[in-house]
Protein backbone atom coordinates (compact mmCIF):
# COMPACT_ATOMS: atom_id res chain seq x y z
CA MET A 1 129.14 94.82 78.47
CA LYS A 2 129.74 98.44 79.32
CA TYR A 3 127.57 100.49 81.61
CA THR A 4 127.32 103.39 79.18
CA ASP A 5 126.35 101.12 76.26
CA LEU A 6 123.34 99.89 78.25
CA LYS A 7 122.40 103.48 79.22
CA ILE A 8 121.64 102.31 82.77
CA GLN A 9 119.74 104.82 84.89
CA THR A 10 119.62 103.98 88.57
CA GLN A 11 117.39 105.80 91.06
CA ARG A 12 118.25 107.10 94.52
CA GLU A 13 114.71 106.66 95.82
CA PHE A 14 111.97 104.08 95.49
CA PRO A 15 109.21 104.98 93.02
CA ASN A 16 106.00 106.45 94.44
CA ASN A 17 103.98 103.72 92.73
CA MET A 18 106.02 100.91 94.29
CA ARG A 19 103.72 97.91 94.52
CA THR A 20 106.25 95.54 96.05
CA GLN A 21 109.81 95.61 97.36
CA GLY A 22 111.01 93.63 94.36
CA PHE A 23 109.53 96.07 91.86
CA GLY A 24 111.02 98.95 93.82
CA TRP A 25 114.51 97.48 93.65
CA LEU A 26 114.17 96.65 89.94
CA ALA A 27 113.19 100.25 89.25
CA ARG A 28 115.97 101.68 91.40
CA ALA A 29 118.57 99.38 89.81
CA GLY A 30 117.49 100.31 86.30
CA TYR A 31 116.04 97.00 85.11
CA VAL A 32 112.59 98.54 84.64
CA THR A 33 111.19 102.05 84.49
CA ARG A 34 108.84 103.45 87.08
CA GLU A 35 106.07 102.54 84.63
CA ASN A 36 107.27 98.91 84.79
CA GLU A 37 108.63 98.85 81.25
CA LEU A 38 111.83 96.93 80.58
CA THR A 39 114.97 99.00 80.06
CA GLU A 40 117.92 97.87 77.92
CA LEU A 41 119.39 96.25 81.03
CA GLY A 42 116.08 94.56 81.75
CA LYS A 43 115.76 93.30 78.18
CA HIS A 44 119.23 91.76 78.37
CA PHE A 45 118.26 90.07 81.64
CA ILE A 46 115.11 88.62 80.05
CA SER A 47 117.19 87.25 77.16
CA HIS A 48 119.54 85.73 79.72
CA LEU A 49 116.61 84.04 81.50
CA GLN A 50 115.37 82.70 78.16
CA ASN A 51 118.75 81.06 77.62
CA LEU A 52 118.67 79.60 81.13
CA SER A 53 115.20 78.16 80.52
CA LYS A 54 116.63 75.52 78.17
CA ASP A 55 116.93 73.60 81.43
CA SER A 56 113.44 74.00 82.92
CA SER A 57 114.74 73.32 86.43
CA PHE A 58 116.48 76.71 86.48
CA ILE A 59 113.62 78.27 88.51
CA PHE A 60 113.87 75.70 91.30
CA PRO A 61 115.91 77.97 93.64
CA LEU A 62 112.87 80.23 93.85
CA SER A 63 110.12 79.59 96.37
CA PHE A 64 107.06 78.48 94.46
CA TYR A 65 103.83 76.55 94.45
CA THR A 66 103.03 74.03 91.73
CA ASN A 67 99.88 72.16 90.79
CA GLU A 68 99.55 68.39 90.91
CA SER A 69 100.55 67.94 87.27
CA LYS A 70 103.76 69.91 87.95
CA SER A 71 103.09 71.83 84.73
CA THR A 72 102.46 75.23 86.30
CA PHE A 73 104.59 77.12 88.79
CA TYR A 74 103.48 80.11 90.87
CA PHE A 75 105.42 82.56 93.02
CA PRO A 76 103.52 83.77 96.12
CA LEU A 77 103.03 87.54 95.98
CA ALA A 78 100.37 89.56 97.77
CA THR A 79 99.86 91.82 94.76
CA GLY A 80 99.76 88.93 92.28
CA ASP A 81 97.01 88.51 89.72
CA VAL A 82 96.40 84.79 90.32
CA GLN A 83 94.52 83.59 93.39
CA LEU A 84 95.49 80.10 94.51
CA ILE A 85 94.07 77.56 96.89
CA HIS A 86 96.92 75.82 98.69
CA CYS A 87 97.33 73.09 101.29
CA GLU A 88 100.41 73.53 103.47
CA SER A 89 100.19 69.92 104.59
CA CYS A 90 100.16 67.96 101.32
CA LYS A 91 101.10 70.90 99.02
CA TYR A 92 97.97 70.61 96.88
CA THR A 93 97.80 73.79 94.80
CA GLU A 94 95.37 75.01 92.17
CA ARG A 95 93.93 78.24 90.83
CA ILE A 96 90.91 79.12 92.93
CA GLU A 97 88.49 78.87 90.03
CA LEU A 98 89.48 75.23 89.42
CA ALA A 99 90.45 74.06 92.91
CA LYS A 100 88.83 70.99 94.40
CA PHE A 101 87.96 70.60 98.05
CA ALA A 102 86.34 68.07 100.36
CA LYS A 103 82.77 69.27 100.35
CA PRO A 104 80.91 69.43 103.66
CA VAL A 105 77.97 67.13 103.16
CA GLY A 106 76.38 68.03 106.50
CA ALA A 107 75.21 71.48 107.53
CA THR A 108 77.04 73.36 110.27
CA HIS A 109 73.90 74.18 112.22
CA THR A 110 72.42 70.69 112.37
CA THR A 111 73.71 67.22 113.02
CA SER A 112 74.19 64.70 110.21
CA TRP A 113 71.24 65.98 108.23
CA HIS A 114 72.65 64.37 105.09
CA PHE A 115 71.37 61.08 106.55
CA GLU A 116 67.82 62.43 106.68
CA SER A 117 65.17 60.54 104.80
CA PRO A 118 63.45 62.54 102.07
CA LEU A 119 60.42 64.35 103.48
CA PRO A 120 57.25 65.25 101.58
CA ILE A 121 57.60 68.34 99.47
CA GLU A 122 55.55 71.29 100.68
CA LYS A 123 54.80 74.70 99.22
CA VAL A 124 55.12 77.61 101.66
CA GLU A 125 54.59 81.33 101.41
CA THR A 126 57.85 83.32 101.61
CA PRO A 127 57.01 86.99 100.99
CA ASN A 128 59.86 89.18 99.67
CA CYS A 129 62.36 86.31 99.98
CA ASN A 130 64.06 86.53 96.59
CA THR A 131 67.61 86.00 97.91
CA ILE A 132 69.25 83.15 99.78
CA GLU A 133 69.94 85.42 102.76
CA SER A 134 66.38 86.69 103.06
CA LEU A 135 64.98 83.19 102.62
CA ALA A 136 67.23 81.64 105.26
CA ASN A 137 66.41 84.43 107.71
CA PHE A 138 62.67 84.17 107.11
CA LEU A 139 62.57 80.39 107.59
CA ASN A 140 65.22 80.47 110.35
CA ILE A 141 67.39 77.89 108.59
CA ALA A 142 71.04 77.70 107.59
CA LYS A 143 71.93 78.64 104.03
CA GLU A 144 73.23 75.07 103.67
CA LYS A 145 69.59 73.96 103.69
CA THR A 146 68.72 75.98 100.59
CA ALA A 147 69.22 75.44 96.88
CA LYS A 148 70.56 78.36 94.87
CA ALA A 149 69.32 78.74 91.30
CA LEU A 150 71.28 80.28 88.42
CA MET A 151 70.09 80.49 84.83
CA PHE A 152 72.07 80.78 81.60
CA THR A 153 71.86 80.18 77.89
CA ARG A 154 74.53 78.07 76.19
CA THR A 155 75.92 80.10 73.31
CA SER A 156 76.62 77.15 71.00
CA ASP A 157 72.99 76.05 70.68
CA ASN A 158 70.89 78.59 72.66
CA GLN A 159 69.98 75.86 75.15
CA PHE A 160 68.45 77.21 78.36
CA VAL A 161 70.56 75.94 81.28
CA PHE A 162 69.31 75.79 84.86
CA VAL A 163 72.03 75.38 87.49
CA VAL A 164 71.60 74.35 91.12
CA VAL A 165 74.25 74.76 93.82
CA ARG A 166 73.82 74.68 97.55
CA GLY A 167 72.92 78.02 99.10
CA ASP A 168 76.18 78.38 101.00
CA MET A 169 78.29 77.77 97.87
CA THR A 170 79.41 79.99 94.98
CA LEU A 171 79.35 78.88 91.37
CA SER A 172 82.76 78.67 89.66
CA GLU A 173 82.32 79.98 86.15
CA ALA A 174 85.45 78.13 85.04
CA LYS A 175 84.23 74.76 86.32
CA PHE A 176 80.76 75.41 84.91
CA LYS A 177 82.09 76.28 81.45
CA ASN A 178 84.33 73.21 81.53
CA ALA A 179 81.20 71.13 82.15
CA ILE A 180 78.90 72.54 79.46
CA GLY A 181 80.74 75.13 77.34
CA GLU A 182 80.44 78.89 76.93
CA VAL A 183 77.32 80.52 78.31
CA LYS A 184 75.66 83.90 78.72
CA LEU A 185 73.10 85.06 81.26
CA ALA A 186 69.57 83.96 80.46
CA THR A 187 67.14 86.62 79.32
CA ALA A 188 63.86 87.31 81.07
CA GLU A 189 62.10 85.87 78.03
CA SER A 190 64.00 82.56 78.12
CA ILE A 191 63.47 82.27 81.88
CA SER A 192 59.74 82.80 81.54
CA LYS A 193 59.51 80.42 78.59
CA SER A 194 61.05 77.63 80.69
CA GLY A 195 58.46 78.09 83.43
CA ALA A 196 60.94 79.50 85.97
CA GLU A 197 60.45 82.64 88.07
CA ALA A 198 63.53 84.78 88.76
CA GLY A 199 64.14 85.06 92.52
CA TYR A 200 61.88 82.08 93.22
CA ALA A 201 63.20 79.55 90.71
CA SER A 202 63.81 75.83 90.97
CA PRO A 203 64.30 73.04 88.41
CA ILE A 204 60.98 71.45 89.36
CA GLY A 205 58.53 71.34 86.47
CA LEU A 206 60.65 73.24 83.95
CA LYS A 207 60.29 72.85 80.19
CA ASP A 208 63.12 72.49 77.67
CA ALA A 209 65.77 73.11 80.28
CA LEU A 210 69.17 71.51 80.65
CA ILE A 211 69.42 70.89 84.40
CA VAL A 212 72.95 70.97 85.79
CA VAL A 213 73.67 70.48 89.49
CA ASP A 214 76.73 70.59 91.69
CA ASP A 215 77.70 67.13 92.91
CA LEU A 216 76.85 68.14 96.48
CA ILE A 217 73.16 68.60 95.63
CA PRO A 218 72.27 64.87 95.31
CA GLN A 219 73.85 64.39 98.75
CA SER A 220 71.84 67.19 100.36
CA PRO A 221 68.28 66.10 101.16
CA ASN A 222 65.25 68.26 101.90
CA LEU A 223 66.52 71.57 100.56
CA VAL A 224 64.39 74.68 100.25
CA ALA A 225 64.06 75.77 96.62
CA GLY A 226 61.89 78.14 94.65
CA ALA A 227 58.34 77.19 93.69
CA ASN A 228 58.57 79.11 90.39
CA GLU A 229 55.96 81.48 91.76
CA VAL A 230 56.53 84.91 93.29
CA ASP A 231 56.64 84.82 97.11
CA TYR A 232 56.56 81.01 97.32
CA HIS A 233 59.15 78.28 97.90
CA PHE A 234 59.13 74.52 98.22
CA ILE A 235 60.56 72.95 101.35
CA ASN A 236 61.97 69.42 101.30
CA THR A 237 63.02 69.31 97.64
CA ASN A 238 65.16 66.33 96.71
CA CYS A 239 67.30 65.89 93.63
CA GLY A 240 66.45 62.62 91.89
CA ARG A 241 62.93 62.51 93.31
CA ASP A 242 61.53 65.91 92.41
CA TYR A 243 63.70 66.61 89.36
CA GLN A 244 66.32 64.79 87.32
CA PRO A 245 69.57 66.53 86.43
CA GLU A 246 71.22 65.85 83.08
CA ILE A 247 74.68 66.77 84.37
CA VAL A 248 76.15 66.34 87.87
CA ALA A 249 79.61 67.86 88.31
CA ASP A 250 81.87 69.79 90.66
CA LEU A 251 80.72 73.35 90.02
CA VAL A 252 81.54 75.45 93.07
CA LEU A 253 84.45 77.55 94.30
CA ALA A 254 86.77 76.42 97.05
CA LYS A 255 87.62 79.00 99.69
CA GLU A 256 90.04 79.51 102.55
CA ASN A 257 89.57 77.05 105.44
CA ASP A 258 87.73 74.50 103.31
CA ALA A 259 89.05 70.96 103.75
CA CYS A 260 91.73 69.73 101.36
CA VAL A 261 90.42 67.13 98.92
CA ASN A 262 93.58 65.05 99.43
CA CYS A 263 94.38 65.18 103.14
CA GLY A 264 91.47 66.97 104.84
CA ASN A 265 93.56 69.76 106.35
CA LYS A 266 92.49 73.38 106.03
CA LEU A 267 93.17 75.13 102.75
CA SER A 268 94.64 78.60 102.52
CA SER A 269 94.17 81.29 99.91
CA GLN A 270 97.27 82.87 98.38
CA TYR A 271 97.76 85.46 95.65
CA SER A 272 100.63 84.80 93.28
CA ILE A 273 102.15 85.36 89.86
CA ALA A 274 102.69 82.62 87.31
CA LEU A 275 106.31 81.67 86.59
CA LYS A 276 105.47 78.89 84.15
CA THR A 277 102.22 77.68 82.66
CA LYS A 278 102.48 74.37 80.85
CA ASN A 279 105.31 74.91 78.34
CA GLU A 280 105.50 78.71 78.59
CA PHE A 281 107.74 80.64 80.95
CA HIS A 282 106.72 84.11 82.10
CA PHE A 283 110.14 85.72 82.18
CA GLU A 284 109.16 89.17 83.45
CA ASN A 285 107.41 87.48 86.38
CA ILE A 286 110.54 85.41 87.00
CA LEU A 287 112.61 88.61 87.08
CA LEU A 288 110.19 90.09 89.61
CA ALA A 289 110.27 86.91 91.71
CA LEU A 290 114.07 87.07 91.74
CA ALA A 291 114.00 90.65 92.94
CA GLU A 292 111.43 89.80 95.63
CA THR A 293 113.60 86.93 96.84
CA TYR A 294 117.14 88.26 96.52
CA HIS A 295 117.65 91.73 97.96
CA ASP A 296 118.86 93.45 101.09
CA GLU A 297 118.77 97.02 102.36
CA LYS A 298 121.27 98.16 99.69
CA GLY A 299 119.83 96.56 96.59
CA LEU A 300 119.59 93.33 94.64
CA ILE A 301 121.72 90.26 95.34
CA PHE A 302 121.28 87.99 92.35
CA PRO A 303 122.80 84.54 92.90
CA LYS A 304 125.36 83.23 90.43
CA SER A 305 122.85 80.81 88.89
CA PHE A 306 120.62 83.70 87.78
CA SER A 307 122.80 86.78 87.48
CA LEU A 308 123.21 88.40 84.07
CA PHE A 309 126.81 89.29 84.94
CA ASP A 310 129.32 87.49 87.14
CA VAL A 311 131.31 90.63 87.88
CA TYR A 312 130.65 94.33 88.30
CA LEU A 313 133.96 95.97 87.31
CA MET A 314 134.63 99.59 88.23
CA TYR A 315 137.56 101.94 88.54
CA VAL A 316 138.32 104.86 90.83
CA PRO A 317 140.23 107.67 89.05
CA GLY A 318 143.83 108.00 90.27
CA LYS A 319 146.37 110.82 90.35
CA THR A 320 149.47 108.90 89.25
CA ILE A 321 148.05 105.74 87.67
CA ASN A 322 145.61 105.47 84.76
CA THR A 323 143.11 103.22 86.58
CA LYS A 324 140.65 103.24 83.68
CA GLU A 325 143.30 101.85 81.32
CA LYS A 326 144.06 99.05 83.81
CA ALA A 327 140.33 98.37 84.26
CA ASP A 328 139.98 98.07 80.47
CA GLU A 329 142.77 95.51 80.47
CA ILE A 330 141.12 93.49 83.25
CA TYR A 331 137.78 93.74 81.44
CA ASN A 332 139.26 92.11 78.35
CA GLN A 333 141.00 89.44 80.41
CA LEU A 334 137.81 88.51 82.23
CA GLN A 335 135.81 88.31 79.02
CA SER A 336 138.48 86.14 77.39
CA ALA A 337 138.20 83.78 80.36
CA GLY A 338 134.43 83.43 79.81
CA ILE A 339 133.49 85.56 82.81
CA THR A 340 130.54 87.87 82.15
CA VAL A 341 131.25 91.46 83.13
CA LEU A 342 129.37 94.70 83.55
CA PHE A 343 132.10 97.35 83.22
CA ASP A 344 131.16 100.63 84.86
CA ASP A 345 133.14 102.85 82.48
CA ARG A 346 131.65 106.14 83.69
CA ASP A 347 133.79 109.03 84.83
CA GLU A 348 131.81 109.22 88.06
CA ARG A 349 132.50 109.54 91.78
CA ALA A 350 133.48 106.34 93.60
CA GLY A 351 130.54 106.56 96.01
CA VAL A 352 128.03 106.66 93.15
CA LYS A 353 129.60 103.62 91.55
CA PHE A 354 129.68 101.68 94.83
CA ASN A 355 125.99 102.41 95.39
CA ASP A 356 125.06 101.42 91.85
CA ALA A 357 127.05 98.20 92.11
CA ASP A 358 125.07 97.25 95.22
CA LEU A 359 121.79 98.19 93.52
CA ILE A 360 122.40 96.16 90.36
CA GLY A 361 123.32 93.06 92.33
CA CYS A 362 126.11 91.21 90.50
CA PRO A 363 127.64 88.44 92.67
CA LEU A 364 131.15 89.97 92.60
CA ARG A 365 132.49 93.52 92.42
CA ILE A 366 136.05 94.33 91.36
CA THR A 367 137.33 97.81 92.12
CA VAL A 368 140.43 99.07 90.34
CA GLY A 369 141.91 101.85 92.47
CA GLU A 370 145.25 103.62 92.64
CA LYS A 371 146.22 102.57 96.16
CA ALA A 372 145.64 98.85 95.52
CA LEU A 373 147.31 98.99 92.10
CA GLN A 374 150.44 100.44 93.65
CA ASN A 375 150.71 97.14 95.54
CA GLY A 376 149.81 95.04 92.48
CA MET A 377 146.29 94.41 93.79
CA VAL A 378 142.60 95.08 93.11
CA GLU A 379 139.72 94.98 95.59
CA LEU A 380 137.09 92.24 95.41
CA LYS A 381 133.71 92.40 97.15
CA ILE A 382 131.35 89.43 97.42
CA ARG A 383 127.92 91.00 97.18
CA LYS A 384 126.06 88.35 99.19
CA THR A 385 128.29 88.61 102.26
CA ASN A 386 129.65 92.14 101.72
CA GLU A 387 133.09 90.64 102.32
CA ASN A 388 136.04 92.62 100.89
CA GLN A 389 139.49 91.29 100.06
CA ASN A 390 142.48 92.29 97.96
CA LEU A 391 143.53 90.05 95.08
CA SER A 392 146.88 89.99 93.31
CA LEU A 393 146.92 90.96 89.65
CA GLU A 394 149.28 88.07 88.93
CA ASN A 395 146.67 85.37 89.38
CA LEU A 396 143.54 87.51 89.31
CA ILE A 397 141.60 85.58 86.67
CA THR A 398 142.34 82.20 88.24
CA LYS A 399 141.26 83.48 91.65
CA ILE A 400 138.06 85.07 90.29
CA ILE A 401 137.09 81.81 88.62
CA GLU A 402 137.76 79.93 91.86
CA ILE A 403 135.68 82.35 93.94
CA LYS A 404 132.86 82.43 91.35
CA ASN A 405 132.64 78.64 91.32
CA SER A 406 132.47 78.54 95.12
CA LEU A 407 129.41 80.79 95.30
């Protein structure tokens, strides 16, 4: 293809709104606009990636995380829109809202309290303690010794749903919805009707409530929970003795430094972008991941396996030789040999063309110049190594194919 047909517009400077290095290079090289919209060059690259995706292993040269089912691939990127939980040891990876972890049955401030025998329930006054933090501070206990209450209404049947997670945990909406379906926050009327008291709620003694608990709750004895009365809580509440849940499931979010569910090592948190989800590739994300991975201080360096063009062909105007005419001839020869070419056919200064060739990132650059032509040669540059060499016109196509295949 010809440079002018694609209307490529490169940039001398990085955009002011550059979010990442990769985006900056894509904008400078003319694959996307500063507003992150695909240009003609970018659209051709996306089509090229779509053709490559017929073999789903084409993204393997990129650094990525994948979940256990190997159906989803993520590229780590600090500005990404997907937060992952990842184990560097066993490579367990999952979106944070669905990630599993080895739950700490014991509290950090006591010793083996999960082996405690259930103690008698007792109602205590807890003035102005309508949050987990205020309650734990007032009673001088760890948040692990409290039960957090959350109340919803299931949209499918208007069922009031009372959820219990341990006070040091955070409910995962995704896990919760997977367990019972779509929900909305409970209204004050539905809370009151069930017998609960917002800020001081527990599942004890409720009416017409679907009780759902995180699977850590049955393993956590003698928790402090609301007494369903303002300024009062129960101490020593026990799931199974004081109330019976209808559903027990993994409901809480994993976080950085939690223990891996598979190997027990510490988990890390990593932002990323999705390259593939189930059977769908995200080609614009793949283009960004390529730019993040393959660039240097001059521009992009797309490897042969990904590059839209094998060769960037340019000419330098001569005084005694029509270099453009010779470049046109080489362009046709390369295309006939099945070599993909971006022909810079602009009547532009050599320095501009050299800079743009480096920006755009084709694996090979061929320069047709008067001095080399006088000796029956053209100049070849390998973009990855910045190595230059002169090639004879007599066996140019054969040599280009040989070099291309060696990359």
